[in-house]
């Protein structure tokens, strides 16, 4: 399950872990904040005492999206000036 909220300066997507009862422990929600220049991914650590936060630039996010569909190897995106 997930929710989408539009705030003044960001869009907030929350991924809510769901599982059949007694099949596995639930993970903390993942919160994704999208801004004009970056994307922030947050999740409370399992002990519940601090938030783990990763900040992606838009270039890093583009590379991650592409990497999910490529085979093993080293890659560099070329900037095209058409």
Protein backbone atom coordinates (compact mmCIF):
# COMPACT_ATOMS: atom_id res chain seq x y z
CA UNK A 1 0.00 0.00 0.00
CA UNK A 2 1.19 3.55 -0.56
CA UNK A 3 0.05 7.13 -0.16
CA UNK A 4 0.85 10.27 -2.18
CA UNK A 5 0.60 13.77 -0.72
CA UNK A 6 1.45 17.07 -2.41
CA UNK A 7 2.97 19.60 -0.02
CA UNK A 8 4.01 23.16 -0.81
CA UNK A 9 7.58 22.33 -1.87
CA UNK A 10 7.58 18.52 -2.17
CA UNK A 11 5.61 15.46 -3.11
CA UNK A 12 5.63 12.85 -0.35
CA UNK A 13 5.18 9.16 -1.19
CA UNK A 14 4.88 6.72 1.71
CA UNK A 15 5.31 2.99 1.09
CA UNK A 16 3.53 1.00 3.79
CA UNK A 17 4.69 -2.57 4.34
CA UNK A 18 1.88 -5.13 4.33
CA UNK A 19 2.04 -8.85 4.93
CA UNK A 20 -0.33 -11.66 5.70
CA UNK A 21 -0.67 -12.10 9.46
CA UNK A 22 2.16 -14.13 11.05
CA UNK A 23 4.09 -14.55 7.76
CA UNK A 24 6.98 -12.17 8.53
CA UNK A 25 7.81 -9.12 10.59
CA UNK A 26 6.70 -5.82 9.08
CA UNK A 27 9.30 -3.26 8.02
CA UNK A 28 9.04 0.41 8.85
CA UNK A 29 7.36 2.65 6.28
CA UNK A 30 9.56 4.11 3.54
CA UNK A 31 9.01 7.82 2.91
CA UNK A 32 10.12 9.35 -0.40
CA UNK A 33 10.24 13.13 -0.63
CA UNK A 34 10.64 14.60 -4.11
CA UNK A 35 11.82 18.18 -4.55
CA UNK A 36 12.80 20.19 -7.65
CA UNK A 37 16.50 19.31 -7.28
CA UNK A 38 16.68 16.10 -5.21
CA UNK A 39 14.87 13.03 -3.91
CA UNK A 40 15.13 11.98 -0.26
CA UNK A 41 14.39 8.43 0.93
CA UNK A 42 13.77 7.95 4.66
CA UNK A 43 13.06 4.96 6.89
CA UNK A 44 13.07 4.62 10.67
CA UNK A 45 15.72 2.15 11.81
CA UNK A 46 14.43 -1.11 13.34
CA UNK A 47 15.18 0.06 16.90
CA UNK A 48 13.03 3.14 16.24
CA UNK A 49 15.50 5.67 17.58
CA UNK A 50 16.63 7.49 14.41
CA UNK A 51 15.75 7.95 10.76
CA UNK A 52 18.06 6.63 8.03
CA UNK A 53 18.12 9.18 5.19
CA UNK A 54 19.52 8.96 1.66
CA UNK A 55 19.60 12.00 -0.64
CA UNK A 56 19.77 11.46 -4.41
CA UNK A 57 20.52 14.18 -6.93
CA UNK A 58 18.35 13.98 -10.02
CA UNK A 59 21.39 12.65 -11.96
CA UNK A 60 21.89 9.88 -9.40
CA UNK A 61 18.21 9.00 -9.56
CA UNK A 62 18.39 8.76 -13.36
CA UNK A 63 21.42 6.47 -13.09
CA UNK A 64 19.65 4.29 -10.50
CA UNK A 65 16.58 3.97 -12.73
CA UNK A 66 18.74 2.91 -15.68
CA UNK A 67 20.87 0.55 -13.56
CA UNK A 68 17.81 -1.45 -12.53
CA UNK A 69 17.44 -2.61 -16.15
CA UNK A 70 21.09 -3.19 -17.14
CA UNK A 71 23.30 -6.28 -16.81
CA UNK A 72 26.39 -6.36 -14.61
CA UNK A 73 29.12 -3.93 -15.70
CA UNK A 74 30.43 -0.36 -15.52
CA UNK A 75 28.50 2.43 -17.20
CA UNK A 76 28.75 6.19 -17.72
CA UNK A 77 25.92 8.31 -19.06
CA UNK A 78 26.96 10.60 -21.90
CA UNK A 79 25.49 14.09 -21.99
CA UNK A 80 23.96 14.69 -25.40
CA UNK A 81 23.82 18.18 -26.84
CA UNK A 82 21.55 17.67 -29.85
